[in-house]
Protein backbone atom coordinates (compact mmCIF):
# COMPACT_ATOMS: atom_id res chain seq x y z
CA GLU A 1 8.02 1.80 -6.46
CA ARG A 2 8.95 4.28 -8.75
CA LEU A 3 12.03 5.24 -6.34
CA LEU A 4 12.67 2.06 -5.55
CA LYS A 5 13.65 0.98 -8.90
CA GLN A 6 16.03 4.30 -9.22
CA ALA A 7 17.41 2.53 -6.18
CA GLU A 8 17.69 -0.43 -7.55
CA MET A 9 19.54 1.30 -10.96
CA THR A 10 21.97 3.36 -9.02
CA SER A 11 22.81 0.39 -6.98
CA ALA A 12 23.16 -2.43 -9.43
CA GLY A 13 26.14 -3.99 -8.19
CA ASP A 14 25.11 -4.43 -4.22
CA SER A 15 24.26 -7.71 -2.80
CA ALA A 16 20.96 -9.09 -2.53
CA GLU A 17 20.66 -8.05 0.74
CA ARG A 18 21.38 -4.55 -0.18
CA ARG A 19 18.17 -4.31 -2.32
CA GLU A 20 16.37 -6.47 -0.01
CA GLU A 21 17.02 -3.51 2.88
CA MET A 22 15.97 -1.16 0.34
CA GLU A 23 12.94 -2.89 -0.48
CA VAL A 24 11.99 -3.19 3.58
CA ALA A 25 12.73 0.55 4.06
CA MET A 26 10.66 1.63 1.24
CA GLN A 27 7.66 -0.47 2.09
CA GLN A 28 8.57 1.35 5.83
CA VAL A 29 8.12 4.79 4.41
CA CYS A 30 4.49 3.46 2.82
CA ALA A 31 3.51 2.72 6.11
CA ASN A 32 4.82 5.59 8.09
CA ILE A 33 2.68 7.63 5.79
CA MET A 34 -0.47 5.86 6.12
CA GLU A 35 -0.03 5.91 9.64
CA TYR A 36 0.36 9.37 10.13
CA CYS A 37 -2.79 10.21 8.19
CA GLN A 38 -4.80 7.31 10.27
CA ILE A 39 -3.27 9.32 13.04
CA LEU A 40 -4.28 12.92 12.25
CA LEU A 41 -7.85 11.68 11.16
CA LEU A 42 -8.04 9.98 14.71
CA GLN A 43 -7.20 12.87 16.28
CA SER A 44 -9.04 15.51 14.25
CA SER A 45 -12.79 14.12 15.52
CA ALA A 46 -14.10 10.56 16.92
CA GLN A 47 -17.01 11.28 14.26
CA ALA A 48 -17.24 11.36 10.96
CA GLN A 49 -19.21 14.03 10.65
CA PHE A 50 -16.45 16.36 12.11
CA THR A 51 -13.37 14.91 10.67
CA ILE A 52 -10.88 16.85 8.46
CA CYS A 53 -10.24 15.43 5.05
CA LEU A 54 -6.42 14.61 3.95
CA PHE A 55 -7.61 13.61 0.27
CA SER A 56 -9.59 14.48 -2.72
CA PRO A 57 -13.28 13.30 -3.57
CA PHE A 58 -11.66 11.85 -6.71
CA GLY A 59 -11.53 8.09 -6.98
CA SER A 60 -10.03 7.36 -10.47
CA GLU A 61 -6.86 5.54 -10.15
CA PRO A 62 -3.70 6.84 -11.85
CA ALA A 63 -3.06 5.13 -15.49
CA GLY A 64 -0.20 2.98 -15.69
CA ARG A 65 2.08 2.89 -19.00
CA ASP A 66 2.69 -0.40 -20.87
CA GLY A 67 0.30 -2.31 -18.60
CA GLY A 68 2.46 -1.43 -15.31
CA ARG A 69 2.01 0.31 -12.33
CA ALA A 70 1.36 3.90 -12.84
CA ASP A 71 4.00 7.19 -12.70
CA LEU A 72 2.23 9.06 -10.16
CA THR A 73 3.80 12.36 -10.68
CA SER A 74 2.12 12.00 -14.53
CA SER A 75 -1.21 10.62 -13.79
CA LEU A 76 -2.54 13.54 -11.13
CA PRO A 77 -5.30 15.94 -12.63
CA ASN A 78 -4.51 18.95 -14.43
CA MET A 79 -6.31 21.20 -12.05
CA ALA A 80 -6.52 23.86 -8.99
CA TYR A 81 -7.39 21.46 -6.74
CA SER A 82 -5.05 18.69 -7.81
CA ARG A 83 -2.33 19.65 -4.83
CA ALA A 84 -4.61 17.88 -2.96
CA PRO A 85 -3.93 14.07 -3.09
CA SER A 86 -7.30 11.90 -4.43
CA LEU A 87 -8.96 8.64 -2.39
CA GLY A 88 -7.51 7.43 -6.14
CA LEU A 89 -3.80 7.15 -4.70
CA VAL A 90 -5.02 5.79 -1.55
CA LEU A 91 -7.08 2.74 -3.64
CA PHE A 92 -4.10 2.48 -5.95
CA LEU A 93 -1.94 1.68 -2.93
CA LEU A 94 -4.65 -0.73 -1.53
CA LYS A 95 -4.09 -2.72 -4.69
CA ASN A 96 -0.38 -2.94 -5.28
CA SER A 97 0.14 -3.61 -1.47
CA ALA A 98 -2.10 -6.49 -1.45
CA ALA A 99 -0.28 -7.99 -4.64
CA ASP A 100 3.04 -7.16 -2.81
CA PHE A 101 1.92 -9.34 -0.05
CA PHE A 102 0.98 -12.50 -2.19
CA ARG A 103 4.11 -12.02 -3.82
CA PHE A 104 5.89 -11.64 -0.50
CA HIS A 105 3.86 -14.64 1.00
CA GLN A 106 4.92 -17.24 -1.75
CA SER A 107 8.48 -16.16 -1.46
CA HIS A 108 8.17 -16.86 2.31
CA ARG A 109 6.43 -20.10 1.87
CA GLN A 110 9.08 -21.44 -0.69
CA SER A 111 12.07 -20.29 1.76
CA LEU A 112 10.29 -22.08 4.37
CA GLY A 113 10.22 -25.46 2.47
CA LYS A 114 14.04 -25.43 1.56
CA LEU A 115 14.77 -24.49 5.11
CA GLN A 116 12.94 -27.65 6.15
CA SER A 117 14.38 -29.43 3.29
CA LEU A 118 18.28 -28.24 3.17
CA ASP A 119 19.72 -32.18 3.22
CA GLN A 120 17.62 -32.39 0.06
CA LEU A 121 19.03 -28.93 -1.91
CA PRO A 122 20.76 -30.12 -4.88
CA PRO A 123 24.34 -28.66 -5.12
CA GLU A 124 23.50 -25.93 -7.82
CA GLU A 125 20.63 -24.22 -5.63
CA LEU A 126 22.78 -24.31 -2.22
CA LYS A 127 25.79 -22.62 -4.29
CA GLU A 128 22.75 -19.89 -5.73
CA LEU A 129 22.18 -19.48 -1.83
CA CYS A 130 25.32 -19.11 -0.99
CA GLN A 131 26.43 -16.39 -3.60
CA GLY A 132 26.81 -13.34 -1.86
CA LEU A 133 27.53 -14.49 1.28
CA VAL A 134 31.19 -15.92 0.22
CA PRO A 135 33.49 -12.66 -0.94
CA GLY A 136 35.84 -13.02 -4.38
CA PRO A 137 35.00 -14.74 -8.07
CA GLY A 138 34.51 -18.35 -7.61
CA GLY A 139 34.54 -18.30 -4.00
CA VAL A 140 31.32 -20.79 -3.37
CA GLU A 141 33.59 -23.43 -5.28
CA LYS A 142 36.55 -23.31 -2.70
CA ILE A 143 34.45 -24.21 0.63
CA SER A 144 33.38 -27.33 1.61
CA SER A 145 29.70 -28.98 1.23
CA VAL A 146 29.41 -28.55 4.84
CA GLN A 147 30.29 -24.88 4.55
CA ARG A 148 27.96 -24.54 2.07
CA SER A 149 25.18 -26.03 3.69
CA LEU A 150 26.31 -23.83 7.16
CA LEU A 151 25.67 -20.76 4.26
CA ALA A 152 22.54 -21.67 2.78
CA ASN A 153 21.32 -21.91 5.76
CA LYS A 154 21.67 -18.40 7.38
CA ARG A 155 21.02 -17.31 4.00
CA LEU A 156 17.39 -18.93 4.23
CA VAL A 157 17.07 -17.39 7.57
CA GLN A 158 17.46 -13.64 5.98
CA LEU A 159 14.88 -14.31 3.44
CA ILE A 160 12.39 -15.91 5.96
CA ASN A 161 12.74 -12.77 8.43
CA ASN A 162 13.15 -10.45 5.26
CA ARG A 163 9.58 -11.52 3.74
CA ALA A 164 8.17 -11.53 7.75
CA LYS A 165 9.05 -7.97 7.45
CA LEU A 166 7.51 -7.51 4.29
CA LEU A 167 4.37 -9.20 5.10
CA ALA A 168 3.69 -7.27 8.37
CA LEU A 169 4.13 -4.07 6.58
CA CYS A 170 2.09 -4.69 3.67
CA SER A 171 -0.78 -6.15 6.16
CA TYR A 172 0.14 -2.95 8.23
CA ILE A 173 -0.38 -0.82 4.56
CA ILE A 174 -3.25 -2.64 3.55
CA GLU A 175 -5.16 -1.89 6.93
CA THR A 176 -4.83 1.40 7.28
CA CYS A 177 -5.24 2.58 3.79
CA LEU A 178 -8.89 0.63 4.14
CA PHE A 179 -9.04 3.07 7.09
CA VAL A 180 -8.74 6.09 5.52
CA LEU A 181 -10.93 5.38 2.59
CA TRP A 182 -13.81 4.29 5.04
CA ARG A 183 -13.31 7.60 7.09
CA HIS A 184 -13.12 9.54 3.71
CA LEU A 185 -15.90 8.00 2.11
CA GLU A 186 -18.25 8.18 5.13
CA TYR A 187 -17.64 11.86 4.88
CA TYR A 188 -17.79 12.18 1.63
CA LEU A 189 -21.14 10.34 1.29
CA LEU A 190 -23.07 10.43 3.96
CA HIS A 191 -21.98 13.77 5.76
CA CYS A 192 -20.71 16.13 2.88
CA THR A 193 -23.35 19.08 2.06
CA PRO A 194 -22.79 19.31 -1.70
CA THR A 195 -21.81 22.87 -3.02
CA ASP A 196 -22.20 24.11 -6.65
CA PRO A 197 -20.25 26.97 -8.24
CA LYS A 198 -23.29 29.68 -7.89
CA ASP A 199 -23.08 28.69 -4.88
CA SER A 200 -19.44 30.15 -4.18
CA PRO A 201 -18.42 33.78 -3.37
CA LEU A 202 -15.47 33.86 -5.62
CA PRO A 203 -15.85 34.02 -9.30
CA GLY A 204 -14.75 31.05 -11.26
CA ALA A 205 -14.80 28.93 -8.36
CA THR A 206 -14.15 25.15 -8.91
CA LEU A 207 -16.86 22.26 -7.94
CA TYR A 208 -13.79 21.52 -5.98
CA GLN A 209 -12.76 24.29 -2.91
CA SER A 210 -10.46 23.20 -0.37
CA ARG A 211 -8.50 25.21 2.93
CA LEU A 212 -6.33 24.30 5.40
CA ALA A 213 -7.88 23.42 8.14
CA ASP A 214 -4.77 23.43 10.36
CA ASP A 215 -0.97 24.93 8.59
CA SER A 216 0.78 22.99 11.04
CA PHE A 217 -0.18 19.52 9.64
CA GLY A 218 -1.65 20.63 6.17
CA SER A 219 -5.05 19.08 6.59
CA LEU A 220 -7.51 19.87 4.05
CA GLN A 221 -11.37 20.43 4.56
CA ALA A 222 -13.02 19.97 1.72
CA SER A 223 -16.68 20.54 0.04
CA THR A 224 -17.24 19.65 -3.16
CA GLY A 225 -20.54 19.31 -5.77
CA ARG A 226 -22.78 16.71 -6.31
CA GLY A 227 -21.48 15.53 -9.39
CA ALA A 228 -17.97 14.93 -7.89
CA ILE A 229 -19.70 12.92 -5.17
CA SER A 230 -21.41 11.01 -7.46
CA ARG A 231 -18.47 9.98 -9.64
CA LEU A 232 -16.48 9.71 -6.19
CA LYS A 233 -19.22 6.64 -5.57
CA SER A 234 -19.32 5.02 -9.05
CA ASP A 235 -15.25 5.04 -9.23
CA MET A 236 -14.88 3.86 -5.64
CA ALA A 237 -17.77 1.15 -6.63
CA ALA A 238 -15.66 -0.14 -9.88
CA GLY A 239 -12.30 -0.33 -7.88
CA PHE A 240 -13.34 -1.51 -4.87
CA GLY A 241 -14.96 -4.57 -6.51
CA GLU A 242 -15.48 -8.40 -5.19
CA ALA A 243 -12.06 -9.71 -6.49
CA LEU A 244 -10.14 -6.73 -4.38
CA GLN A 245 -12.21 -7.61 -1.68
CA ARG A 246 -11.65 -11.40 -1.75
CA LYS A 247 -8.27 -10.73 -1.47
CA LEU A 248 -7.85 -8.36 1.31
CA LEU A 249 -9.72 -11.35 3.31
CA GLU A 250 -7.86 -13.76 2.08
CA VAL A 251 -4.41 -11.16 3.51
CA GLU A 252 -5.95 -11.47 6.37
CA SER A 253 -6.75 -14.86 6.59
CA LEU A 254 -2.95 -15.64 5.31
CA TYR A 255 -1.34 -13.46 7.57
CA SER A 256 -3.08 -14.78 10.70
CA GLN A 257 -1.62 -17.74 10.06
CA VAL A 258 1.84 -16.72 10.30
CA ARG A 259 1.08 -14.48 13.27
CA SER A 260 -0.93 -14.03 15.71
CA ARG A 261 -2.23 -10.33 15.45
CA TYR A 262 -5.66 -9.30 15.01
CA THR A 263 -6.55 -6.76 12.05
CA PHE A 264 -9.27 -5.05 11.22
CA ILE A 265 -9.35 -5.61 7.80
CA GLN A 266 -12.38 -8.09 7.36
CA ALA A 267 -14.50 -5.23 9.06
CA LEU A 268 -13.14 -2.29 7.25
CA VAL A 269 -14.23 -4.13 4.30
CA ARG A 270 -17.56 -4.43 5.37
CA ARG A 271 -18.36 -0.72 6.15
CA ILE A 272 -16.80 0.31 3.00
CA ARG A 273 -18.79 -2.23 1.04
CA GLY A 274 -22.25 -0.94 3.16
CA LEU A 275 -21.33 2.66 2.04
CA LEU A 276 -20.96 1.61 -1.37
CA ARG A 277 -23.94 0.20 -1.49
CA GLN A 278 -26.10 2.89 0.16
CA PRO A 279 -28.86 3.96 -2.25
CA LYS A 280 -28.70 7.36 -3.76
CA SER A 281 -29.92 10.04 -1.55
């Protein structure tokens, strides 16, 4: 989001269509990153106990400033293992994508409603829709009402298509975030063998030790202490609460109404919930 805000500041004079294209591009970047993470996990092993670990076992989310979204670059833990991104970042992206989905869904519905009742829209709203499609100052005032209706129709179709792309991207980001969370939690909570500092052959080693399992992919194979696993479970249980779970299930329900694509959101939510409810060993 920080990059999107910077792009908007540098292109304040650009058209609304240009800003919408940038928003789609930024969501596409997030989707590509999470898809790549999912592919790496799937290719590493079909079983969680032999999987690679791309994210470190820390579930706390980055702290936001002034109630806004967090600045990820200033919120990472200042520790030796902070080079490995934490699962808290995945949870952070999951929550933001769910919030974005509902925002885009509301805008999508509003544009559909306006398109269906285009003849009943007041003149001022038609003029607003035509802004940016007519060159020159006062250009909207110079065209006929028929032309305004045609341009307003074109603009609403643009908005609907833009929001449809964003809804698809948000849904996909949510699904891949859930998969990454589930695969890591299954490893850390069920298959990870906890280690303590005294078990390390290196003096002054931290609880969390990581090494590159494959230099070409930069994937991480991780081991961690009992305390870190306990904190991971409690942080994730707090962050992945019932309110978020209900939102995610609503995302799947709403998206299935506008697209026939089947998602695995409900199944992944159920699996993560089951892992977090596992009794302590």
